[in-house]
Amino acid sequence: MTPQVPGYGQEMGTALEPGGEARQLKSALDGFVNEIKSFRAEIKSNLKQHDERLTMLDRKLSIKTHRPALSAGDAGENLHLKAFDAYLRSGDDDALRGLVLEGKGMNTAVNSEGGYLVDPQTSDRIRGVLYAASSLRSIANVVQVEASSFDVLVDHSEIGSGWASETDPVSDSSTPVLDRISIRLHELSAMPKASQRLLEDSAFDVEGWLAERIAQKFARAEAAAFIHGDGVDKPRGFLDHAIVSDNVADWGELGYVATGATGDFAATNSADAIVDLVYALDAGYRANAVFVMNSKTAGAVRKMKDADGRFLWSDGLAAGEPARLMGYPVLVAEDMPDIGPDAHAIAFGDFRAGYTIAERPDLRVLRDPFSAKPNVLFYATKRVGGDITDFKAIKLLKFAEN
């Protein structure tokens, strides 16, 4: 008699029943498929959470500057830019003061009464606009100084030289004759204003707005001073000096060539005055010479033709290239005088040799939230000067008989 083990018969009976193995296999497969589905759902949920975290991180990073700090200088510029932005928007100058105390950034010295230095990026934008403007700055010699004036030494004597033989004594060279020209720097200011509500808008590019407003006002003031400024609290323009006939012009005086008619070009052979003006300038200066005139004068000159019927004026062939008169570039400066009796309406010369602009590299801004409520004033200042440094390098065309 076979002993009975509890449950043995039932289990064997279940497995041996018809279709029992198939049902067990199907049940195992169903469980396996359910586990795969559950695992896939868990993976999708984790990926979704990961993507959300990445999106939030990207948003935070997009608020910060996109240019990585490649060096200590770059890091200093970024710190200065952030600190300057905070000062412009809210008047918070703690970060700017901290930069000075810690020695970070570039040229971050401050003066509590004179304002704070503009960050390098904004300063470069202003400087770029000034050079691009139709001003004498674009063709003159521009130097940056740290002092309150800039001195230029001019040697009027000829270089001592001569032919020597083997036996003859060498003669002494002459003593140099030097002139010192001192260019004083004057304070140029601008005062744009913006509402406090606009400054509080984080989408408002306050640095770009400030750079544009300052550059526009500086460019207009500079352009006028470099041409006819009297030198009192402003640069001295080249038309403020003594102007005499080119035949008798001496150092300290600009020479002119007359058109032959009062307040106009001569009725016949009017283009001859332009030719005479060009060749009144020494050959050494003509290589880098430029014509300077305003739009009204340019409109009259561009109609002129030579004896063969060819226009003296030619427009630039490429974008940004200046027009040319007799092959020389033309700077259209609106502060030049109009054509009129005894007017010196056209200048021609090497202004890089003849006129020097001296300036300090720093630009300061003082925030004033009280004087024009609810607006905020920004008092921007820089120091700049200018004057003639070579009187032989510039000639003028006078609209007169002689």
Protein backbone atom coordinates (compact mmCIF):
# COMPACT_ATOMS: atom_id res chain seq x y z
CA MET A 1 0.00 0.00 0.00
CA THR A 2 1.46 3.33 -1.09
CA PRO A 3 1.67 5.95 1.67
CA GLN A 4 -0.30 9.16 1.11
CA VAL A 5 1.56 12.50 1.26
CA PRO A 6 -0.76 15.47 1.91
CA GLY A 7 -1.18 17.63 -1.21
CA TYR A 8 0.95 15.38 -3.37
CA GLY A 9 -1.89 13.83 -5.24
CA GLN A 10 -3.64 17.13 -5.78
CA GLU A 11 -0.52 18.91 -7.21
CA MET A 12 0.32 16.01 -9.49
CA GLY A 13 -3.27 15.78 -10.48
CA THR A 14 -3.39 19.53 -11.38
CA ALA A 15 -0.26 19.32 -13.52
CA LEU A 16 -1.50 16.13 -15.16
CA GLU A 17 -4.94 17.43 -15.93
CA PRO A 18 -5.59 17.98 -19.64
CA GLY A 19 -4.38 21.53 -20.64
CA GLY A 20 -2.76 22.23 -17.25
CA GLU A 21 0.72 22.98 -18.59
CA ALA A 22 -0.65 25.42 -21.16
CA ARG A 23 -2.56 27.34 -18.51
CA GLN A 24 0.56 27.59 -16.30
CA LEU A 25 2.69 28.80 -19.22
CA LYS A 26 0.10 31.43 -20.21
CA SER A 27 -0.12 32.66 -16.62
CA ALA A 28 3.69 32.96 -16.40
CA LEU A 29 3.85 34.87 -19.70
CA ASP A 30 1.10 37.24 -18.62
CA GLY A 31 2.97 38.01 -15.40
CA PHE A 32 6.18 38.62 -17.31
CA VAL A 33 4.47 41.00 -19.78
CA ASN A 34 2.89 42.94 -16.91
CA GLU A 35 6.28 43.34 -15.25
CA ILE A 36 7.78 44.68 -18.54
CA LYS A 37 4.92 47.20 -18.90
CA SER A 38 5.37 48.35 -15.32
CA PHE A 39 9.14 48.73 -15.85
CA ARG A 40 8.58 50.77 -19.05
CA ALA A 41 6.11 53.07 -17.28
CA GLU A 42 8.59 53.65 -14.47
CA ILE A 43 11.37 54.47 -16.98
CA LYS A 44 9.12 57.00 -18.82
CA SER A 45 8.19 58.68 -15.53
CA ASN A 46 11.86 59.05 -14.54
CA LEU A 47 12.78 60.46 -17.96
CA LYS A 48 9.97 63.01 -17.80
CA GLN A 49 11.09 64.21 -14.37
CA HIS A 50 14.67 64.43 -15.63
CA ASP A 51 13.62 66.55 -18.64
CA GLU A 52 11.67 68.92 -16.40
CA ARG A 53 14.73 69.41 -14.20
CA LEU A 54 16.89 70.12 -17.29
CA THR A 55 14.37 72.69 -18.57
CA MET A 56 14.39 74.53 -15.26
CA LEU A 57 18.20 74.47 -15.25
CA ASP A 58 18.33 75.88 -18.80
CA ARG A 59 16.03 78.73 -17.79
CA LYS A 60 18.28 79.61 -14.88
CA LEU A 61 21.38 79.49 -17.06
CA SER A 62 19.79 81.67 -19.76
CA ILE A 63 19.43 84.50 -17.26
CA LYS A 64 23.18 84.59 -16.80
CA THR A 65 25.65 85.78 -19.39
CA HIS A 66 26.19 83.43 -22.32
CA ARG A 67 29.92 84.23 -22.66
CA PRO A 68 32.03 82.08 -20.32
CA ALA A 69 34.76 83.74 -18.31
CA LEU A 70 37.92 82.63 -20.10
CA SER A 71 40.30 84.56 -17.89
CA ALA A 72 40.48 86.61 -14.74
CA GLY A 73 39.96 89.75 -16.84
CA ASP A 74 36.76 88.34 -18.35
CA ALA A 75 35.49 87.40 -14.91
CA GLY A 76 36.20 90.94 -13.71
CA GLU A 77 34.30 92.44 -16.65
CA ASN A 78 31.27 90.23 -15.95
CA LEU A 79 31.31 91.18 -12.28
CA HIS A 80 31.57 94.87 -13.19
CA LEU A 81 28.71 94.56 -15.72
CA LYS A 82 26.39 92.93 -13.17
CA ALA A 83 27.32 95.44 -10.48
CA PHE A 84 26.86 98.38 -12.88
CA ASP A 85 23.45 97.04 -13.98
CA ALA A 86 22.31 96.87 -10.36
CA TYR A 87 23.48 100.44 -9.79
CA LEU A 88 21.65 101.79 -12.86
CA ARG A 89 18.38 100.03 -12.06
CA SER A 90 18.09 100.55 -8.31
CA GLY A 91 21.01 102.68 -7.16
CA ASP A 92 22.53 99.71 -5.32
CA ASP A 93 26.27 100.45 -5.34
CA ASP A 94 27.37 97.86 -2.77
CA ALA A 95 28.68 95.52 -5.47
CA LEU A 96 30.61 98.31 -7.19
CA ARG A 97 32.20 99.33 -3.89
CA GLY A 98 33.02 95.69 -3.21
CA LEU A 99 34.84 95.40 -6.54
CA VAL A 100 37.08 98.30 -5.56
CA LEU A 101 37.80 96.94 -2.10
CA GLU A 102 38.59 93.47 -3.44
CA GLY A 103 40.59 94.79 -6.42
CA LYS A 104 38.43 92.95 -8.97
CA GLY A 105 37.40 94.04 -12.44
CA MET A 106 39.07 96.50 -14.77
CA ASN A 107 39.50 100.17 -13.85
CA THR A 108 36.80 100.07 -11.19
CA ALA A 109 38.03 103.03 -9.12
CA VAL A 110 35.08 105.14 -7.98
CA ASN A 111 34.44 108.62 -6.76
CA SER A 112 31.35 109.00 -4.61
CA GLU A 113 30.73 112.52 -5.91
CA GLY A 114 31.83 112.00 -9.51
CA GLY A 115 29.97 108.78 -10.23
CA TYR A 116 31.05 105.27 -11.15
CA LEU A 117 33.05 104.10 -14.15
CA VAL A 118 31.00 102.59 -16.96
CA ASP A 119 31.62 98.88 -17.48
CA PRO A 120 34.03 98.01 -20.35
CA GLN A 121 31.31 96.57 -22.63
CA THR A 122 29.15 99.70 -22.47
CA SER A 123 32.19 101.95 -22.84
CA ASP A 124 33.23 100.07 -26.01
CA ARG A 125 29.75 100.51 -27.49
CA ILE A 126 29.89 104.26 -26.91
CA ARG A 127 33.39 104.52 -28.37
CA GLY A 128 32.30 102.55 -31.44
CA VAL A 129 29.43 104.93 -32.16
CA LEU A 130 31.70 107.97 -31.76
CA TYR A 131 34.16 106.61 -34.32
CA ALA A 132 31.37 105.66 -36.74
CA ALA A 133 29.78 109.13 -36.60
CA SER A 134 30.47 111.73 -39.30
CA SER A 135 32.94 113.56 -37.11
CA LEU A 136 36.55 114.68 -37.34
CA ARG A 137 37.31 111.91 -34.83
CA SER A 138 37.11 109.34 -37.65
CA ILE A 139 40.00 110.96 -39.59
CA ALA A 140 42.03 112.73 -36.87
CA ASN A 141 44.79 111.41 -34.62
CA VAL A 142 43.17 110.14 -31.39
CA VAL A 143 45.32 109.49 -28.31
CA GLN A 144 44.35 108.34 -24.82
CA VAL A 145 46.03 109.99 -21.85
CA GLU A 146 45.83 109.77 -18.07
CA ALA A 147 46.81 113.40 -17.42
CA SER A 148 44.78 116.61 -17.69
CA SER A 149 46.58 117.70 -20.88
CA PHE A 150 48.56 116.30 -23.79
CA ASP A 151 51.70 118.00 -25.12
CA VAL A 152 52.97 117.73 -28.71
CA LEU A 153 56.49 118.82 -29.68
CA VAL A 154 56.85 120.09 -33.26
CA ASP A 155 60.32 120.39 -34.85
CA HIS A 156 60.41 123.16 -37.50
CA SER A 157 64.09 122.76 -38.41
CA GLU A 158 65.35 120.68 -41.27
CA ILE A 159 67.29 117.55 -40.45
CA GLY A 160 71.03 118.34 -40.48
CA SER A 161 72.49 116.52 -43.46
CA GLY A 162 74.76 117.05 -46.44
CA TRP A 163 77.40 115.56 -48.70
CA ALA A 164 80.82 115.01 -47.27
CA SER A 165 84.15 114.16 -48.86
CA GLU A 166 86.98 112.17 -47.38
CA THR A 167 89.11 115.21 -46.58
CA ASP A 168 86.64 118.08 -46.06
CA PRO A 169 85.39 118.77 -42.49
CA VAL A 170 81.76 118.02 -41.64
CA SER A 171 79.73 121.14 -40.87
CA ASP A 172 77.63 121.35 -37.72
CA SER A 173 73.89 120.79 -38.06
CA SER A 174 71.54 123.60 -37.07
CA THR A 175 69.98 123.81 -33.63
CA PRO A 176 66.45 122.32 -33.60
CA VAL A 177 63.57 124.80 -33.43
CA LEU A 178 60.79 123.26 -31.31
CA ASP A 179 57.21 124.35 -30.67
CA ARG A 180 55.19 122.91 -27.80
CA ILE A 181 51.44 122.53 -28.39
CA SER A 182 49.49 121.75 -25.24
CA ILE A 183 46.03 120.22 -25.65
CA ARG A 184 43.93 120.64 -22.51
CA LEU A 185 41.22 118.15 -21.69
CA HIS A 186 37.72 119.48 -20.99
CA GLU A 187 34.70 117.81 -19.42
CA LEU A 188 31.99 116.67 -21.84
CA SER A 189 28.67 115.72 -20.25
CA ALA A 190 25.30 114.25 -21.14
CA MET A 191 22.22 113.69 -19.00
CA PRO A 192 19.73 111.13 -20.39
CA LYS A 193 16.77 110.16 -18.23
CA ALA A 194 14.44 107.16 -17.86
CA SER A 195 11.43 106.38 -15.70
CA GLN A 196 11.93 104.22 -12.63
CA ARG A 197 9.20 101.84 -13.84
CA LEU A 198 11.11 101.26 -17.06
CA LEU A 199 14.32 100.57 -15.14
CA GLU A 200 12.54 97.98 -12.99
CA ASP A 201 11.54 96.01 -16.11
CA SER A 202 14.04 93.15 -16.34
CA ALA A 203 13.52 92.90 -20.13
CA PHE A 204 14.75 96.49 -20.59
CA ASP A 205 18.40 96.62 -21.75
CA VAL A 206 19.46 99.54 -19.57
CA GLU A 207 23.13 99.37 -20.55
CA GLY A 208 22.35 99.42 -24.28
CA TRP A 209 19.85 102.26 -23.87
CA LEU A 210 22.33 104.30 -21.83
CA ALA A 211 25.16 103.70 -24.32
CA GLU A 212 23.01 104.84 -27.25
CA ARG A 213 21.80 108.04 -25.55
CA ILE A 214 25.27 109.02 -24.30
CA ALA A 215 26.91 108.30 -27.66
CA GLN A 216 24.38 110.43 -29.57
CA LYS A 217 24.84 113.46 -27.34
CA PHE A 218 28.63 113.11 -27.18
CA ALA A 219 28.92 112.72 -30.96
CA ARG A 220 26.93 115.91 -31.67
CA ALA A 221 28.88 117.97 -29.13
CA GLU A 222 32.27 116.67 -30.27
CA ALA A 223 31.58 117.13 -33.98
CA ALA A 224 30.80 120.83 -33.51
CA ALA A 225 33.72 121.54 -31.15
CA PHE A 226 36.37 119.88 -33.35
CA ILE A 227 35.46 122.24 -36.21
CA HIS A 228 34.67 125.63 -34.66
CA GLY A 229 35.11 125.25 -30.87
CA ASP A 230 36.77 128.27 -29.23
CA GLY A 231 38.90 126.29 -26.78
CA VAL A 232 37.08 127.69 -23.72
CA ASP A 233 35.81 124.71 -21.72
CA LYS A 234 35.75 122.75 -24.98
CA PRO A 235 38.22 121.55 -27.66
CA ARG A 236 39.54 124.15 -30.08
CA GLY A 237 38.31 123.63 -33.63
CA PHE A 238 40.59 124.01 -36.62
CA LEU A 239 38.47 126.90 -38.02
CA ASP A 240 39.05 128.93 -34.83
CA HIS A 241 42.67 129.66 -35.76
CA ALA A 242 43.93 132.54 -37.90
CA ILE A 243 43.21 131.95 -41.60
CA VAL A 244 45.22 133.84 -44.24
CA SER A 245 46.04 133.49 -47.93
CA ASP A 246 48.14 130.41 -48.55
CA ASN A 247 50.85 132.55 -50.16
CA VAL A 248 51.65 134.30 -46.86
CA ALA A 249 50.61 131.65 -44.33
CA ASP A 250 53.08 131.03 -41.51
CA TRP A 251 53.16 128.59 -38.58
CA GLY A 252 50.10 129.12 -36.40
CA GLU A 253 47.96 130.12 -39.41
CA LEU A 254 45.92 128.05 -41.86
CA GLY A 255 46.30 128.88 -45.53
CA TYR A 256 43.35 129.26 -47.90
CA VAL A 257 42.79 129.18 -51.64
CA ALA A 258 40.14 131.54 -53.06
CA THR A 259 37.42 130.40 -55.48
CA GLY A 260 37.59 133.68 -57.44
CA ALA A 261 33.96 134.69 -56.79
CA THR A 262 32.30 136.10 -53.68
CA GLY A 263 30.10 133.49 -52.02
CA ASP A 264 30.29 131.02 -54.92
CA PHE A 265 32.52 129.16 -57.33
CA ALA A 266 33.79 131.08 -60.34
CA ALA A 267 31.34 131.30 -63.24
CA THR A 268 33.85 129.75 -65.65
CA ASN A 269 36.17 126.82 -64.91
CA SER A 270 34.65 126.45 -61.44
CA ALA A 271 36.44 123.15 -60.86
CA ASP A 272 39.82 124.89 -61.03
CA ALA A 273 39.42 126.01 -57.42
CA ILE A 274 39.21 122.37 -56.27
CA VAL A 275 42.34 121.51 -58.24
CA ASP A 276 44.19 124.52 -56.80
CA LEU A 277 43.17 123.48 -53.28
CA VAL A 278 44.52 119.94 -53.75
CA TYR A 279 47.89 121.07 -55.04
CA ALA A 280 48.27 123.79 -52.42
CA LEU A 281 48.91 120.91 -49.99
CA ASP A 282 52.44 119.51 -49.89
CA ALA A 283 52.88 116.14 -51.57
CA GLY A 284 53.83 114.48 -48.29
CA TYR A 285 50.36 115.22 -46.89
CA ARG A 286 48.31 114.48 -50.00
CA ALA A 287 48.73 110.69 -49.70
CA ASN A 288 46.42 110.59 -46.64
CA ALA A 289 44.37 113.72 -47.37
CA VAL A 290 40.57 113.97 -46.98
CA PHE A 291 38.00 116.57 -48.07
CA VAL A 292 35.68 117.87 -45.32
CA MET A 293 32.41 119.69 -46.15
CA ASN A 294 28.72 119.66 -45.26
CA SER A 295 25.85 118.19 -47.28
CA LYS A 296 24.85 121.43 -49.02
CA THR A 297 28.39 122.02 -50.23
CA ALA A 298 28.70 118.39 -51.31
CA GLY A 299 25.52 118.78 -53.37
CA ALA A 300 27.08 121.69 -55.26
CA VAL A 301 30.49 120.07 -55.73
CA ARG A 302 29.25 116.73 -57.01
CA LYS A 303 27.80 118.48 -60.11
CA MET A 304 31.22 119.70 -61.21
CA LYS A 305 32.92 118.30 -64.33
CA ASP A 306 36.40 118.61 -65.71
CA ALA A 307 37.31 119.93 -69.17
CA ASP A 308 36.51 116.54 -70.71
CA GLY A 309 33.02 116.44 -69.17
CA ARG A 310 33.85 113.87 -66.47
CA PHE A 311 32.46 114.32 -62.96
CA LEU A 312 35.03 115.11 -60.29
CA TRP A 313 32.87 113.33 -57.72
CA SER A 314 32.50 109.53 -57.54
CA ASP A 315 30.38 107.58 -55.07
CA GLY A 316 31.81 104.72 -53.03
CA LEU A 317 31.67 101.36 -54.80
CA ALA A 318 31.14 99.31 -51.63
CA ALA A 319 28.87 99.75 -48.62
CA GLY A 320 30.46 102.00 -46.03
CA GLU A 321 33.13 103.30 -48.42
CA PRO A 322 33.25 107.13 -48.56
CA ALA A 323 32.59 109.14 -51.71
CA ARG A 324 35.64 110.54 -53.47
CA LEU A 325 36.46 113.90 -54.98
CA MET A 326 39.38 113.88 -57.42
CA GLY A 327 40.22 110.47 -55.98
CA TYR A 328 40.36 111.65 -52.34
CA PRO A 329 37.83 110.54 -49.65
CA VAL A 330 35.10 112.98 -48.59
CA LEU A 331 33.90 113.34 -44.98
CA VAL A 332 30.47 114.96 -44.85
CA ALA A 333 30.47 116.92 -41.58
CA GLU A 334 27.31 118.96 -41.07
CA ASP A 335 29.03 121.47 -38.78
CA MET A 336 31.13 122.84 -41.63
CA PRO A 337 29.96 126.28 -42.88
CA ASP A 338 27.60 126.63 -45.83
CA ILE A 339 28.80 128.22 -49.05
CA GLY A 340 28.61 131.99 -48.60
CA PRO A 341 30.63 135.20 -48.80
CA ASP A 342 34.11 134.66 -47.29
CA ALA A 343 33.05 131.25 -45.94
CA HIS A 344 35.69 128.52 -45.54
CA ALA A 345 33.26 125.81 -46.53
CA ILE A 346 35.71 123.15 -47.73
CA ALA A 347 38.80 121.81 -45.93
CA PHE A 348 41.38 119.49 -47.44
CA GLY A 349 44.28 117.91 -45.65
CA ASP A 350 45.87 115.07 -43.74
CA PHE A 351 43.91 115.42 -40.50
CA ARG A 352 45.69 112.50 -38.88
CA ALA A 353 48.83 114.60 -38.99
CA GLY A 354 47.15 117.99 -38.65
CA TYR A 355 44.59 117.56 -35.83
CA THR A 356 44.95 115.64 -32.56
CA ILE A 357 42.17 114.57 -30.20
CA ALA A 358 43.23 113.67 -26.66
CA GLU A 359 40.88 111.93 -24.24
CA ARG A 360 40.83 110.01 -21.01
CA PRO A 361 39.72 106.38 -21.45
CA ASP A 362 37.31 106.41 -18.50
CA LEU A 363 33.62 107.34 -18.68
CA ARG A 364 31.71 108.03 -15.46
CA VAL A 365 27.99 107.88 -14.70
CA LEU A 366 26.25 109.38 -11.66
CA ARG A 367 22.68 108.24 -10.91
CA ASP A 368 20.28 110.97 -9.74
CA PRO A 369 16.80 109.72 -8.72
CA PHE A 370 15.75 112.96 -6.98
CA SER A 371 16.03 115.92 -9.38
CA ALA A 372 13.42 114.80 -11.95
CA LYS A 373 10.97 112.50 -10.15
CA PRO A 374 9.48 110.08 -11.20
CA ASN A 375 12.32 109.91 -13.74
CA VAL A 376 15.92 108.98 -12.99
CA LEU A 377 18.72 111.14 -14.44
CA PHE A 378 22.07 109.67 -15.48
CA TYR A 379 24.84 112.28 -15.48
CA ALA A 380 27.58 110.93 -17.78
CA THR A 381 30.94 112.67 -18.11
CA LYS A 382 34.20 112.16 -19.98
CA ARG A 383 37.26 114.35 -20.57
CA VAL A 384 38.35 115.22 -24.11
CA GLY A 385 40.36 117.92 -25.88
CA GLY A 386 41.51 118.71 -29.41
CA ASP A 387 43.59 121.18 -31.43
CA ILE A 388 45.70 121.60 -34.55
CA THR A 389 49.13 120.03 -34.25
CA ASP A 390 50.43 120.67 -37.79
CA PHE A 391 49.24 123.82 -39.59
CA LYS A 392 50.87 122.76 -42.86
CA ALA A 393 48.71 119.63 -43.08
CA ILE A 394 45.36 121.44 -43.61
CA LYS A 395 44.25 123.86 -46.35
CA LEU A 396 40.91 125.67 -46.79
CA LEU A 397 38.84 126.83 -49.75
CA LYS A 398 37.51 130.37 -49.27
CA PHE A 399 34.49 131.51 -51.28
CA ALA A 400 35.85 134.92 -52.14
CA GLU A 401 37.53 136.75 -55.03
CA ASN A 402 40.94 136.64 -53.37
